[in-house]
Amino acid sequence: MKSTLLTFKALGDENRFRIVMMLQVRPLCVCELLEVLDIAGGTLSNHLKILNHAGLINQRKEGRWVVYFLSDTIDQAIFAYIDRTIKDPSVIDSDRHKILSLSREFCSASYAGKT
């Protein structure tokens, strides 16, 4: 029961929910997530830590980027439930549209001077 509660608690934040929904499309690096979410890097780091702790995401190093992706253990029934019950998917659709147009090289270059 604790792992189920941890999953729902992790998904109970709008930004964490959006991250998981974007990761359904493809693995993303921090700079891509920052570009879409428009939040502070420290805030994103905290969200990623919570999602990782809940077992919803994993990370791997790809060249100079750390890429986040959905865990193999995530129950796909969660996404079926979301698809059935979400009333206004406009934010999710917009996020997914944005990530399809992003490249890691462009994002990391645009964030290179921001700290």
C-alpha atoms as a PDB file:
ATOM      1  CA  MET A   1       0.000   0.000   0.000  1.00  0.00           C
ATOM      2  CA  LYS A   2       2.879   2.398   0.732  1.00  0.00           C
ATOM      3  CA  SER A   3       4.225   2.260  -2.830  1.00  0.00           C
ATOM      4  CA  THR A   4       0.764   3.011  -4.248  1.00  0.00           C
ATOM      5  CA  LEU A   5       0.380   6.005  -1.949  1.00  0.00           C
ATOM      6  CA  LEU A   6       3.866   7.186  -2.890  1.00  0.00           C
ATOM      7  CA  THR A   7       2.922   6.996  -6.585  1.00  0.00           C
ATOM      8  CA  PHE A   8      -0.249   9.021  -6.145  1.00  0.00           C
ATOM      9  CA  LYS A   9       1.496  11.542  -3.920  1.00  0.00           C
ATOM     10  CA  ALA A  10       4.196  12.010  -6.561  1.00  0.00           C
ATOM     11  CA  LEU A  11       1.585  12.493  -9.285  1.00  0.00           C
ATOM     12  CA  GLY A  12      -0.418  14.883  -7.090  1.00  0.00           C
ATOM     13  CA  ASP A  13       1.659  17.887  -8.149  1.00  0.00           C
ATOM     14  CA  GLU A  14       0.861  19.509 -11.515  1.00  0.00           C
ATOM     15  CA  ASN A  15       4.486  19.838 -12.626  1.00  0.00           C
ATOM     16  CA  ARG A  16       5.357  16.256 -11.671  1.00  0.00           C
ATOM     17  CA  PHE A  17       2.221  15.052 -13.445  1.00  0.00           C
ATOM     18  CA  ARG A  18       3.244  17.020 -16.555  1.00  0.00           C
ATOM     19  CA  ILE A  19       6.778  15.567 -16.416  1.00  0.00           C
ATOM     20  CA  VAL A  20       5.476  12.001 -16.359  1.00  0.00           C
ATOM     21  CA  MET A  21       3.077  12.709 -19.207  1.00  0.00           C
ATOM     22  CA  MET A  22       5.901  14.222 -21.306  1.00  0.00           C
ATOM     23  CA  LEU A  23       8.148  11.247 -20.599  1.00  0.00           C
ATOM     24  CA  GLN A  24       5.511   9.042 -22.202  1.00  0.00           C
ATOM     25  CA  VAL A  25       6.564  10.583 -25.512  1.00  0.00           C
ATOM     26  CA  ARG A  26      10.334  10.248 -25.172  1.00  0.00           C
ATOM     27  CA  PRO A  27      13.199  10.485 -22.691  1.00  0.00           C
ATOM     28  CA  LEU A  28      14.060  14.094 -21.844  1.00  0.00           C
ATOM     29  CA  CYS A  29      17.006  15.950 -20.362  1.00  0.00           C
ATOM     30  CA  VAL A  30      16.773  18.683 -17.750  1.00  0.00           C
ATOM     31  CA  CYS A  31      17.159  21.505 -20.254  1.00  0.00           C
ATOM     32  CA  GLU A  32      14.214  20.187 -22.297  1.00  0.00           C
ATOM     33  CA  LEU A  33      12.042  19.889 -19.205  1.00  0.00           C
ATOM     34  CA  LEU A  34      13.025  23.396 -18.104  1.00  0.00           C
ATOM     35  CA  GLU A  35      12.149  24.778 -21.527  1.00  0.00           C
ATOM     36  CA  VAL A  36       8.623  23.381 -21.381  1.00  0.00           C
ATOM     37  CA  LEU A  37       7.823  23.838 -17.692  1.00  0.00           C
ATOM     38  CA  ASP A  38       9.434  27.265 -17.266  1.00  0.00           C
ATOM     39  CA  ILE A  39      10.350  26.633 -13.615  1.00  0.00           C
ATOM     40  CA  ALA A  40      13.580  27.088 -11.664  1.00  0.00           C
ATOM     41  CA  GLY A  41      16.259  24.419 -11.983  1.00  0.00           C
ATOM     42  CA  GLY A  42      16.192  23.701  -8.248  1.00  0.00           C
ATOM     43  CA  THR A  43      12.441  23.201  -8.340  1.00  0.00           C
ATOM     44  CA  LEU A  44      12.770  20.783 -11.261  1.00  0.00           C
ATOM     45  CA  SER A  45      15.518  18.910  -9.454  1.00  0.00           C
ATOM     46  CA  ASN A  46      13.243  18.443  -6.451  1.00  0.00           C
ATOM     47  CA  HIS A  47      10.386  17.202  -8.654  1.00  0.00           C
ATOM     48  CA  LEU A  48      12.696  14.697 -10.381  1.00  0.00           C
ATOM     49  CA  LYS A  49      13.947  13.460  -7.004  1.00  0.00           C
ATOM     50  CA  ILE A  50      10.377  12.834  -5.812  1.00  0.00           C
ATOM     51  CA  LEU A  51       9.427  11.018  -9.036  1.00  0.00           C
ATOM     52  CA  ASN A  52      12.574   8.902  -8.819  1.00  0.00           C
ATOM     53  CA  HIS A  53      11.938   8.064  -5.154  1.00  0.00           C
ATOM     54  CA  ALA A  54       8.414   6.953  -6.069  1.00  0.00           C
ATOM     55  CA  GLY A  55       9.880   4.632  -8.702  1.00  0.00           C
ATOM     56  CA  LEU A  56       8.178   6.413 -11.597  1.00  0.00           C
ATOM     57  CA  ILE A  57      11.300   7.566 -13.446  1.00  0.00           C
ATOM     58  CA  ASN A  58      14.906   6.568 -13.967  1.00  0.00           C
ATOM     59  CA  GLN A  59      17.888   8.375 -15.388  1.00  0.00           C
ATOM     60  CA  ARG A  60      20.893   7.537 -17.528  1.00  0.00           C
ATOM     61  CA  LYS A  61      23.855   9.430 -18.907  1.00  0.00           C
ATOM     62  CA  GLU A  62      23.802   9.994 -22.674  1.00  0.00           C
ATOM     63  CA  GLY A  63      26.893  11.894 -23.746  1.00  0.00           C
ATOM     64  CA  ARG A  64      26.900  15.169 -21.839  1.00  0.00           C
ATOM     65  CA  TRP A  65      23.240  14.921 -20.832  1.00  0.00           C
ATOM     66  CA  VAL A  66      21.455  13.124 -18.044  1.00  0.00           C
ATOM     67  CA  VAL A  67      18.264  11.816 -19.591  1.00  0.00           C
ATOM     68  CA  TYR A  68      15.125  10.969 -17.626  1.00  0.00           C
ATOM     69  CA  PHE A  69      12.690   8.278 -18.720  1.00  0.00           C
ATOM     70  CA  LEU A  70       9.734   6.367 -17.348  1.00  0.00           C
ATOM     71  CA  SER A  71      10.524   3.381 -15.174  1.00  0.00           C
ATOM     72  CA  ASP A  72       9.761  -0.057 -16.569  1.00  0.00           C
ATOM     73  CA  THR A  73       7.830  -0.753 -13.382  1.00  0.00           C
ATOM     74  CA  ILE A  74       5.283   2.035 -13.884  1.00  0.00           C
ATOM     75  CA  ASP A  75       1.822   0.552 -14.230  1.00  0.00           C
ATOM     76  CA  GLN A  76       0.454   1.413 -17.686  1.00  0.00           C
ATOM     77  CA  ALA A  77      -3.052   1.262 -16.213  1.00  0.00           C
ATOM     78  CA  ILE A  78      -2.314   4.693 -14.719  1.00  0.00           C
ATOM     79  CA  PHE A  79      -2.079   6.171 -18.209  1.00  0.00           C
ATOM     80  CA  ALA A  80      -5.231   4.398 -19.359  1.00  0.00           C
ATOM     81  CA  TYR A  81      -7.035   5.861 -16.344  1.00  0.00           C
ATOM     82  CA  ILE A  82      -5.693   9.349 -17.074  1.00  0.00           C
ATOM     83  CA  ASP A  83      -6.706   9.136 -20.734  1.00  0.00           C
ATOM     84  CA  ARG A  84     -10.224   8.080 -19.739  1.00  0.00           C
ATOM     85  CA  THR A  85     -10.761  10.650 -17.024  1.00  0.00           C
ATOM     86  CA  ILE A  86      -8.907  13.836 -17.922  1.00  0.00           C
ATOM     87  CA  LYS A  87     -11.422  16.468 -18.960  1.00  0.00           C
ATOM     88  CA  ASP A  88      -9.139  19.056 -20.552  1.00  0.00           C
ATOM     89  CA  PRO A  89      -5.914  17.625 -21.996  1.00  0.00           C
ATOM     90  CA  SER A  90      -4.837  20.966 -23.512  1.00  0.00           C
ATOM     91  CA  VAL A  91      -1.821  21.466 -21.202  1.00  0.00           C
ATOM     92  CA  ILE A  92      -0.625  17.903 -21.746  1.00  0.00           C
ATOM     93  CA  ASP A  93      -1.136  18.184 -25.506  1.00  0.00           C
ATOM     94  CA  SER A  94       0.711  21.509 -25.566  1.00  0.00           C
ATOM     95  CA  ASP A  95       3.636  20.073 -23.557  1.00  0.00           C
ATOM     96  CA  ARG A  96       3.902  17.082 -25.874  1.00  0.00           C
ATOM     97  CA  HIS A  97       3.800  19.330 -28.941  1.00  0.00           C
ATOM     98  CA  LYS A  98       6.617  21.491 -27.510  1.00  0.00           C
ATOM     99  CA  ILE A  99       8.918  18.579 -26.700  1.00  0.00           C
ATOM    100  CA  LEU A 100       8.600  17.208 -30.209  1.00  0.00           C
ATOM    101  CA  SER A 101      10.071  20.460 -31.512  1.00  0.00           C
ATOM    102  CA  LEU A 102      12.961  20.640 -29.005  1.00  0.00           C
ATOM    103  CA  SER A 103      16.506  19.409 -29.380  1.00  0.00           C
ATOM    104  CA  ARG A 104      18.946  18.903 -26.526  1.00  0.00           C
ATOM    105  CA  GLU A 105      21.642  20.877 -28.320  1.00  0.00           C
ATOM    106  CA  PHE A 106      19.384  23.922 -28.703  1.00  0.00           C
ATOM    107  CA  CYS A 107      18.098  23.772 -25.127  1.00  0.00           C
ATOM    108  CA  SER A 108      21.491  23.332 -23.511  1.00  0.00           C
ATOM    109  CA  ALA A 109      22.887  26.226 -25.565  1.00  0.00           C
ATOM    110  CA  SER A 110      20.030  28.492 -24.502  1.00  0.00           C
ATOM    111  CA  TYR A 111      20.522  27.601 -20.804  1.00  0.00           C
ATOM    112  CA  ALA A 112      24.334  27.778 -20.875  1.00  0.00           C
ATOM    113  CA  GLY A 113      24.385  31.406 -19.762  1.00  0.00           C
ATOM    114  CA  LYS A 114      21.572  31.073 -17.193  1.00  0.00           C
ATOM    115  CA  THR A 115      22.445  30.060 -13.645  1.00  0.00           C
END
